Amino acid sequence: MNTMHYPNVIVDSDAPPVSEPTAPQVGHYKPENFSDRFALGATKLLRLLADLCFRQHYIHRAVVLETVAAVPGMVGATLQQLQALRLLRGRPDMVKLLIDESENERMHLMTFVSMCQPNLLERALILMSQGLFFNGFFLLYLLSPYTAHRLVGYFEEEAVVSYTRFLAAIDDGQIADRPIPAFARAYWKLDGNAGLRDLVIAVRQDEMHHRDVNHHLSLALQD
């Protein structure tokens, strides 16, 4: 998979070290305007709330957050499709790109749910956060697709950080490297001995791709 590069992407020096020797550095898109700063501020606030709720319970964290992560691609695809039908123009690959992103995030969710069933409190949190986020993101995308994709780009930056810390916890022995479902091995084309560690590396790679794609789309759709 080819990684996109942008002049405003800098290295996040606060990213935790990871024992995976081939792990890429965590990229950060430096905010340039009010929309960027709004998107980054909202992301940092939500990151703080997630840290308070889940701390180092990484699988539970992944289950709840992936229920939200699949929303932007679905919303963006719907609105881009309607815009193309209404205005008779648009990027030919845009809708499929966003649907594929949403489906990939859903696969993250289905995999982690099969390994960790959320409790009643987490299920209530899922219902509340998904309802609020879907409507809020839908409105944001109507007002400014640029800001919406920048927001998702920053979300994915934080997802890369979270999965990097998840991987470090596995390598440190804080979390057992347990078996993963057969459908996950098939989806990510992992070998039969692949475990949780391999899964986290694969999911982190997905999030890096989503990060780069959404920062790129933000620039392409600049208001």
C-alpha atoms as a PDB file:
ATOM      1  CA  MET A   1       0.000   0.000   0.000  1.00  0.00           C
ATOM      2  CA  ASN A   2       1.413   3.371  -0.988  1.00  0.00           C
ATOM      3  CA  THR A   3       1.533   5.980   1.748  1.00  0.00           C
ATOM      4  CA  MET A   4       0.690   9.558   0.762  1.00  0.00           C
ATOM      5  CA  HIS A   5       2.961  12.403   1.857  1.00  0.00           C
ATOM      6  CA  TYR A   6       1.980  16.019   2.453  1.00  0.00           C
ATOM      7  CA  PRO A   7       4.157  19.036   3.230  1.00  0.00           C
ATOM      8  CA  ASN A   8       2.259  19.824   6.439  1.00  0.00           C
ATOM      9  CA  VAL A   9       2.645  16.373   7.981  1.00  0.00           C
ATOM     10  CA  ILE A  10       5.138  16.404  10.837  1.00  0.00           C
ATOM     11  CA  VAL A  11       6.348  13.718  13.195  1.00  0.00           C
ATOM     12  CA  ASP A  12       4.639  13.551  16.577  1.00  0.00           C
ATOM     13  CA  SER A  13       7.541  13.464  19.047  1.00  0.00           C
ATOM     14  CA  ASP A  14       5.174  12.488  21.885  1.00  0.00           C
ATOM     15  CA  ALA A  15       4.240   9.194  20.235  1.00  0.00           C
ATOM     16  CA  PRO A  16       5.173   6.269  22.507  1.00  0.00           C
ATOM     17  CA  PRO A  17       8.004   3.973  21.411  1.00  0.00           C
ATOM     18  CA  VAL A  18       7.028   0.593  20.046  1.00  0.00           C
ATOM     19  CA  SER A  19       9.050  -2.592  19.782  1.00  0.00           C
ATOM     20  CA  GLU A  20       7.874  -3.392  16.257  1.00  0.00           C
ATOM     21  CA  PRO A  21      10.999  -2.464  14.224  1.00  0.00           C
ATOM     22  CA  THR A  22       9.079  -1.724  11.032  1.00  0.00           C
ATOM     23  CA  ALA A  23       6.440   0.448  12.738  1.00  0.00           C
ATOM     24  CA  PRO A  24       6.118   3.829  10.943  1.00  0.00           C
ATOM     25  CA  GLN A  25       6.249   7.068  12.857  1.00  0.00           C
ATOM     26  CA  VAL A  26       2.954   8.643  13.851  1.00  0.00           C
ATOM     27  CA  GLY A  27       2.145  11.446  11.422  1.00  0.00           C
ATOM     28  CA  HIS A  28       0.389  14.654  12.406  1.00  0.00           C
ATOM     29  CA  TYR A  29      -1.098  17.218  10.044  1.00  0.00           C
ATOM     30  CA  LYS A  30      -0.180  20.648  11.339  1.00  0.00           C
ATOM     31  CA  PRO A  31      -3.345  22.817  11.535  1.00  0.00           C
ATOM     32  CA  GLU A  32      -3.341  25.835   9.230  1.00  0.00           C
ATOM     33  CA  ASN A  33      -6.679  27.546   9.793  1.00  0.00           C
ATOM     34  CA  PHE A  34      -9.694  27.765  12.085  1.00  0.00           C
ATOM     35  CA  SER A  35     -11.319  24.636  10.633  1.00  0.00           C
ATOM     36  CA  ASP A  36      -8.170  22.608  11.245  1.00  0.00           C
ATOM     37  CA  ARG A  37      -7.833  23.909  14.795  1.00  0.00           C
ATOM     38  CA  PHE A  38     -11.514  23.177  15.492  1.00  0.00           C
ATOM     39  CA  ALA A  39     -11.117  19.622  14.191  1.00  0.00           C
ATOM     40  CA  LEU A  40      -7.960  19.063  16.222  1.00  0.00           C
ATOM     41  CA  GLY A  41      -9.490  20.549  19.387  1.00  0.00           C
ATOM     42  CA  ALA A  42     -12.607  18.366  19.081  1.00  0.00           C
ATOM     43  CA  THR A  43     -10.408  15.309  18.544  1.00  0.00           C
ATOM     44  CA  LYS A  44      -8.277  16.025  21.604  1.00  0.00           C
ATOM     45  CA  LEU A  45     -11.401  16.490  23.729  1.00  0.00           C
ATOM     46  CA  LEU A  46     -12.856  13.183  22.587  1.00  0.00           C
ATOM     47  CA  ARG A  47      -9.465  11.533  23.145  1.00  0.00           C
ATOM     48  CA  LEU A  48      -9.481  12.785  26.734  1.00  0.00           C
ATOM     49  CA  LEU A  49     -12.970  11.379  27.310  1.00  0.00           C
ATOM     50  CA  ALA A  50     -11.948   8.009  25.832  1.00  0.00           C
ATOM     51  CA  ASP A  51      -8.857   7.897  28.057  1.00  0.00           C
ATOM     52  CA  LEU A  52     -10.972   8.607  31.132  1.00  0.00           C
ATOM     53  CA  CYS A  53     -13.527   5.943  30.237  1.00  0.00           C
ATOM     54  CA  PHE A  54     -11.279   3.118  29.122  1.00  0.00           C
ATOM     55  CA  ARG A  55      -7.712   3.839  30.266  1.00  0.00           C
ATOM     56  CA  GLN A  56      -5.756   0.729  29.227  1.00  0.00           C
ATOM     57  CA  HIS A  57      -8.704  -1.568  28.503  1.00  0.00           C
ATOM     58  CA  TYR A  58      -7.751  -1.558  24.839  1.00  0.00           C
ATOM     59  CA  ILE A  59     -10.107  -4.196  23.452  1.00  0.00           C
ATOM     60  CA  HIS A  60     -13.149  -2.642  25.178  1.00  0.00           C
ATOM     61  CA  ARG A  61     -11.968   0.752  23.944  1.00  0.00           C
ATOM     62  CA  ALA A  62     -11.691  -0.564  20.396  1.00  0.00           C
ATOM     63  CA  VAL A  63     -15.199  -2.041  20.481  1.00  0.00           C
ATOM     64  CA  VAL A  64     -16.835   1.236  21.520  1.00  0.00           C
ATOM     65  CA  LEU A  65     -14.766   3.560  19.333  1.00  0.00           C
ATOM     66  CA  GLU A  66     -15.012   1.406  16.207  1.00  0.00           C
ATOM     67  CA  THR A  67     -18.821   1.690  16.388  1.00  0.00           C
ATOM     68  CA  VAL A  68     -18.281   5.420  15.834  1.00  0.00           C
ATOM     69  CA  ALA A  69     -15.345   5.071  13.414  1.00  0.00           C
ATOM     70  CA  ALA A  70     -17.538   3.397  10.782  1.00  0.00           C
ATOM     71  CA  VAL A  71     -19.960   6.354  10.688  1.00  0.00           C
ATOM     72  CA  PRO A  72     -17.939   9.028   8.766  1.00  0.00           C
ATOM     73  CA  GLY A  73     -17.368   6.902   5.676  1.00  0.00           C
ATOM     74  CA  MET A  74     -21.050   5.990   5.495  1.00  0.00           C
ATOM     75  CA  VAL A  75     -22.196   9.598   5.975  1.00  0.00           C
ATOM     76  CA  GLY A  76     -19.626  10.965   3.537  1.00  0.00           C
ATOM     77  CA  ALA A  77     -20.503   8.367   0.893  1.00  0.00           C
ATOM     78  CA  THR A  78     -24.231   9.154   1.182  1.00  0.00           C
ATOM     79  CA  LEU A  79     -23.779  12.908   0.893  1.00  0.00           C
ATOM     80  CA  GLN A  80     -21.215  12.654  -1.898  1.00  0.00           C
ATOM     81  CA  GLN A  81     -23.565  10.332  -3.796  1.00  0.00           C
ATOM     82  CA  LEU A  82     -26.483  12.743  -3.424  1.00  0.00           C
ATOM     83  CA  GLN A  83     -24.306  15.685  -4.445  1.00  0.00           C
ATOM     84  CA  ALA A  84     -23.134  13.858  -7.570  1.00  0.00           C
ATOM     85  CA  LEU A  85     -26.727  13.005  -8.510  1.00  0.00           C
ATOM     86  CA  ARG A  86     -27.878  16.553  -7.838  1.00  0.00           C
ATOM     87  CA  LEU A  87     -25.012  18.493  -9.454  1.00  0.00           C
ATOM     88  CA  LEU A  88     -24.023  15.879 -12.061  1.00  0.00           C
ATOM     89  CA  ARG A  89     -20.356  16.022 -11.079  1.00  0.00           C
ATOM     90  CA  GLY A  90     -17.925  14.694  -8.501  1.00  0.00           C
ATOM     91  CA  ARG A  91     -14.903  12.419  -8.109  1.00  0.00           C
ATOM     92  CA  PRO A  92     -15.681   9.058  -9.789  1.00  0.00           C
ATOM     93  CA  ASP A  93     -14.039   7.039  -6.995  1.00  0.00           C
ATOM     94  CA  MET A  94     -15.283   9.076  -4.024  1.00  0.00           C
ATOM     95  CA  VAL A  95     -18.339   7.064  -2.966  1.00  0.00           C
ATOM     96  CA  LYS A  96     -16.665   3.655  -3.204  1.00  0.00           C
ATOM     97  CA  LEU A  97     -13.607   4.977  -1.370  1.00  0.00           C
ATOM     98  CA  LEU A  98     -15.718   6.103   1.595  1.00  0.00           C
ATOM     99  CA  ILE A  99     -17.916   2.994   1.635  1.00  0.00           C
ATOM    100  CA  ASP A 100     -14.806   0.804   1.659  1.00  0.00           C
ATOM    101  CA  GLU A 101     -13.463   2.828   4.583  1.00  0.00           C
ATOM    102  CA  SER A 102     -16.700   2.370   6.530  1.00  0.00           C
ATOM    103  CA  GLU A 103     -16.754  -1.356   5.797  1.00  0.00           C
ATOM    104  CA  ASN A 104     -13.146  -1.714   6.926  1.00  0.00           C
ATOM    105  CA  GLU A 105     -13.932   0.006  10.229  1.00  0.00           C
ATOM    106  CA  ARG A 106     -16.935  -2.302  10.651  1.00  0.00           C
ATOM    107  CA  MET A 107     -14.634  -5.295  10.230  1.00  0.00           C
ATOM    108  CA  HIS A 108     -12.449  -3.903  13.020  1.00  0.00           C
ATOM    109  CA  LEU A 109     -15.565  -3.775  15.192  1.00  0.00           C
ATOM    110  CA  MET A 110     -16.819  -7.265  14.329  1.00  0.00           C
ATOM    111  CA  THR A 111     -13.401  -8.739  15.076  1.00  0.00           C
ATOM    112  CA  PHE A 112     -12.992  -7.116  18.473  1.00  0.00           C
ATOM    113  CA  VAL A 113     -16.614  -7.825  19.435  1.00  0.00           C
ATOM    114  CA  SER A 114     -15.978 -11.524  18.815  1.00  0.00           C
ATOM    115  CA  MET A 115     -13.125 -11.308  21.326  1.00  0.00           C
ATOM    116  CA  CYS A 116     -14.742  -9.096  23.952  1.00  0.00           C
ATOM    117  CA  GLN A 117     -18.478  -8.673  24.488  1.00  0.00           C
ATOM    118  CA  PRO A 118     -19.341  -5.140  25.701  1.00  0.00           C
ATOM    119  CA  ASN A 119     -21.124  -4.850  29.036  1.00  0.00           C
ATOM    120  CA  LEU A 120     -24.424  -3.011  29.572  1.00  0.00           C
ATOM    121  CA  LEU A 121     -22.723   0.301  30.363  1.00  0.00           C
ATOM    122  CA  GLU A 122     -20.640   0.094  27.192  1.00  0.00           C
ATOM    123  CA  ARG A 123     -23.702  -0.791  25.129  1.00  0.00           C
ATOM    124  CA  ALA A 124     -25.488   2.282  26.514  1.00  0.00           C
ATOM    125  CA  LEU A 125     -22.421   4.386  25.701  1.00  0.00           C
ATOM    126  CA  ILE A 126     -22.435   2.996  22.150  1.00  0.00           C
ATOM    127  CA  LEU A 127     -26.075   3.958  21.622  1.00  0.00           C
ATOM    128  CA  MET A 128     -25.587   7.461  23.008  1.00  0.00           C
ATOM    129  CA  SER A 129     -22.293   8.223  21.250  1.00  0.00           C
ATOM    130  CA  GLN A 130     -23.427   6.833  17.914  1.00  0.00           C
ATOM    131  CA  GLY A 131     -26.648   8.851  17.964  1.00  0.00           C
ATOM    132  CA  LEU A 132     -24.875  12.075  18.871  1.00  0.00           C
ATOM    133  CA  PHE A 133     -21.956  11.559  16.532  1.00  0.00           C
ATOM    134  CA  PHE A 134     -23.980  10.491  13.498  1.00  0.00           C
ATOM    135  CA  ASN A 135     -26.181  13.571  13.615  1.00  0.00           C
ATOM    136  CA  GLY A 136     -23.338  15.916  14.488  1.00  0.00           C
ATOM    137  CA  PHE A 137     -21.077  14.588  11.745  1.00  0.00           C
ATOM    138  CA  PHE A 138     -23.919  14.635   9.206  1.00  0.00           C
ATOM    139  CA  LEU A 139     -24.484  18.331   9.926  1.00  0.00           C
ATOM    140  CA  LEU A 140     -20.752  19.078   9.855  1.00  0.00           C
ATOM    141  CA  TYR A 141     -20.365  17.362   6.474  1.00  0.00           C
ATOM    142  CA  LEU A 142     -23.272  19.375   5.052  1.00  0.00           C
ATOM    143  CA  LEU A 143     -21.650  22.598   6.253  1.00  0.00           C
ATOM    144  CA  SER A 144     -18.020  21.793   5.446  1.00  0.00           C
ATOM    145  CA  PRO A 145     -16.753  18.541   3.903  1.00  0.00           C
ATOM    146  CA  TYR A 146     -13.259  19.980   4.300  1.00  0.00           C
ATOM    147  CA  THR A 147     -13.609  20.173   8.089  1.00  0.00           C
ATOM    148  CA  ALA A 148     -15.364  16.807   8.281  1.00  0.00           C
ATOM    149  CA  HIS A 149     -12.514  14.981   6.551  1.00  0.00           C
ATOM    150  CA  ARG A 150      -9.909  16.889   8.538  1.00  0.00           C
ATOM    151  CA  LEU A 151     -11.705  15.786  11.717  1.00  0.00           C
ATOM    152  CA  VAL A 152     -11.594  12.153  10.583  1.00  0.00           C
ATOM    153  CA  GLY A 153      -7.936  12.541   9.682  1.00  0.00           C
ATOM    154  CA  TYR A 154      -7.208  13.665  13.247  1.00  0.00           C
ATOM    155  CA  PHE A 155      -9.396  10.862  14.637  1.00  0.00           C
ATOM    156  CA  GLU A 156      -7.271   8.386  12.703  1.00  0.00           C
ATOM    157  CA  GLU A 157      -4.066   9.965  13.996  1.00  0.00           C
ATOM    158  CA  GLU A 158      -5.282   9.229  17.515  1.00  0.00           C
ATOM    159  CA  ALA A 159      -6.347   5.728  16.479  1.00  0.00           C
ATOM    160  CA  VAL A 160      -2.783   5.046  15.317  1.00  0.00           C
ATOM    161  CA  VAL A 161      -1.495   6.219  18.706  1.00  0.00           C
ATOM    162  CA  SER A 162      -4.001   4.007  20.542  1.00  0.00           C
ATOM    163  CA  TYR A 163      -3.164   0.889  18.540  1.00  0.00           C
ATOM    164  CA  THR A 164       0.556   1.598  18.940  1.00  0.00           C
ATOM    165  CA  ARG A 165       0.057   1.650  22.713  1.00  0.00           C
ATOM    166  CA  PHE A 166      -2.092  -1.490  22.441  1.00  0.00           C
ATOM    167  CA  LEU A 167       0.785  -3.197  20.620  1.00  0.00           C
ATOM    168  CA  ALA A 168       3.285  -2.033  23.235  1.00  0.00           C
ATOM    169  CA  ALA A 169       1.080  -3.473  26.008  1.00  0.00           C
ATOM    170  CA  ILE A 170       1.081  -6.842  24.233  1.00  0.00           C
ATOM    171  CA  ASP A 171       4.856  -6.749  23.795  1.00  0.00           C
ATOM    172  CA  ASP A 172       5.317  -5.823  27.474  1.00  0.00           C
ATOM    173  CA  GLY A 173       3.186  -8.780  28.570  1.00  0.00           C
ATOM    174  CA  GLN A 174       0.392  -6.647  30.015  1.00  0.00           C
ATOM    175  CA  ILE A 175      -2.051  -8.155  27.484  1.00  0.00           C
ATOM    176  CA  ALA A 176      -1.870 -11.776  26.346  1.00  0.00           C
ATOM    177  CA  ASP A 177      -1.271 -12.470  22.658  1.00  0.00           C
ATOM    178  CA  ARG A 178      -4.407 -14.553  22.238  1.00  0.00           C
ATOM    179  CA  PRO A 179      -5.937 -16.308  19.191  1.00  0.00           C
ATOM    180  CA  ILE A 180      -8.107 -14.328  16.797  1.00  0.00           C
ATOM    181  CA  PRO A 181     -11.201 -15.410  14.809  1.00  0.00           C
ATOM    182  CA  ALA A 182     -10.737 -17.287  11.538  1.00  0.00           C
ATOM    183  CA  PHE A 183     -12.693 -14.636   9.601  1.00  0.00           C
ATOM    184  CA  ALA A 184     -10.223 -11.979  10.783  1.00  0.00           C
ATOM    185  CA  ARG A 185      -7.264 -14.039   9.577  1.00  0.00           C
ATOM    186  CA  ALA A 186      -8.993 -14.438   6.208  1.00  0.00           C
ATOM    187  CA  TYR A 187      -9.914 -10.750   5.912  1.00  0.00           C
ATOM    188  CA  TRP A 188      -6.389  -9.483   6.647  1.00  0.00           C
ATOM    189  CA  LYS A 189      -4.753 -12.462   4.885  1.00  0.00           C
ATOM    190  CA  LEU A 190      -2.887 -13.491   8.028  1.00  0.00           C
ATOM    191  CA  ASP A 191      -1.374 -16.946   8.471  1.00  0.00           C
ATOM    192  CA  GLY A 192      -2.955 -19.652  10.590  1.00  0.00           C
ATOM    193  CA  ASN A 193      -0.754 -18.882  13.605  1.00  0.00           C
ATOM    194  CA  ALA A 194      -1.583 -15.161  13.666  1.00  0.00           C
ATOM    195  CA  GLY A 195      -2.717 -13.809  17.016  1.00  0.00           C
ATOM    196  CA  LEU A 196      -3.835 -10.574  18.623  1.00  0.00           C
ATOM    197  CA  ARG A 197      -0.481  -8.904  18.060  1.00  0.00           C
ATOM    198  CA  ASP A 198      -0.657  -9.501  14.306  1.00  0.00           C
ATOM    199  CA  LEU A 199      -4.234  -8.258  14.274  1.00  0.00           C
ATOM    200  CA  VAL A 200      -3.335  -5.013  16.044  1.00  0.00           C
ATOM    201  CA  ILE A 201      -0.531  -4.368  13.540  1.00  0.00           C
ATOM    202  CA  ALA A 202      -2.934  -4.950  10.637  1.00  0.00           C
ATOM    203  CA  VAL A 203      -5.638  -2.711  12.124  1.00  0.00           C
ATOM    204  CA  ARG A 204      -3.100   0.022  12.851  1.00  0.00           C
ATOM    205  CA  GLN A 205      -2.002  -0.124   9.211  1.00  0.00           C
ATOM    206  CA  ASP A 206      -5.637   0.359   8.164  1.00  0.00           C
ATOM    207  CA  GLU A 207      -5.931   3.396  10.426  1.00  0.00           C
ATOM    208  CA  MET A 208      -2.760   4.899   8.976  1.00  0.00           C
ATOM    209  CA  HIS A 209      -4.267   4.545   5.511  1.00  0.00           C
ATOM    210  CA  HIS A 210      -7.552   6.152   6.635  1.00  0.00           C
ATOM    211  CA  ARG A 211      -5.560   8.982   8.245  1.00  0.00           C
ATOM    212  CA  ASP A 212      -3.709   9.766   5.017  1.00  0.00           C
ATOM    213  CA  VAL A 213      -6.776   9.396   2.789  1.00  0.00           C
ATOM    214  CA  ASN A 214      -8.915  11.737   4.900  1.00  0.00           C
ATOM    215  CA  HIS A 215      -6.232  14.423   5.169  1.00  0.00           C
ATOM    216  CA  HIS A 216      -5.869  14.168   1.374  1.00  0.00           C
ATOM    217  CA  LEU A 217      -9.631  14.393   0.809  1.00  0.00           C
ATOM    218  CA  SER A 218      -9.815  17.415   3.100  1.00  0.00           C
ATOM    219  CA  LEU A 219      -7.371  19.225   0.830  1.00  0.00           C
ATOM    220  CA  ALA A 220      -9.170  18.027  -2.313  1.00  0.00           C
ATOM    221  CA  LEU A 221     -12.525  19.271  -0.997  1.00  0.00           C
ATOM    222  CA  GLN A 222     -11.205  22.534   0.454  1.00  0.00           C
ATOM    223  CA  ASP A 223     -14.012  25.083   0.704  1.00  0.00           C
END
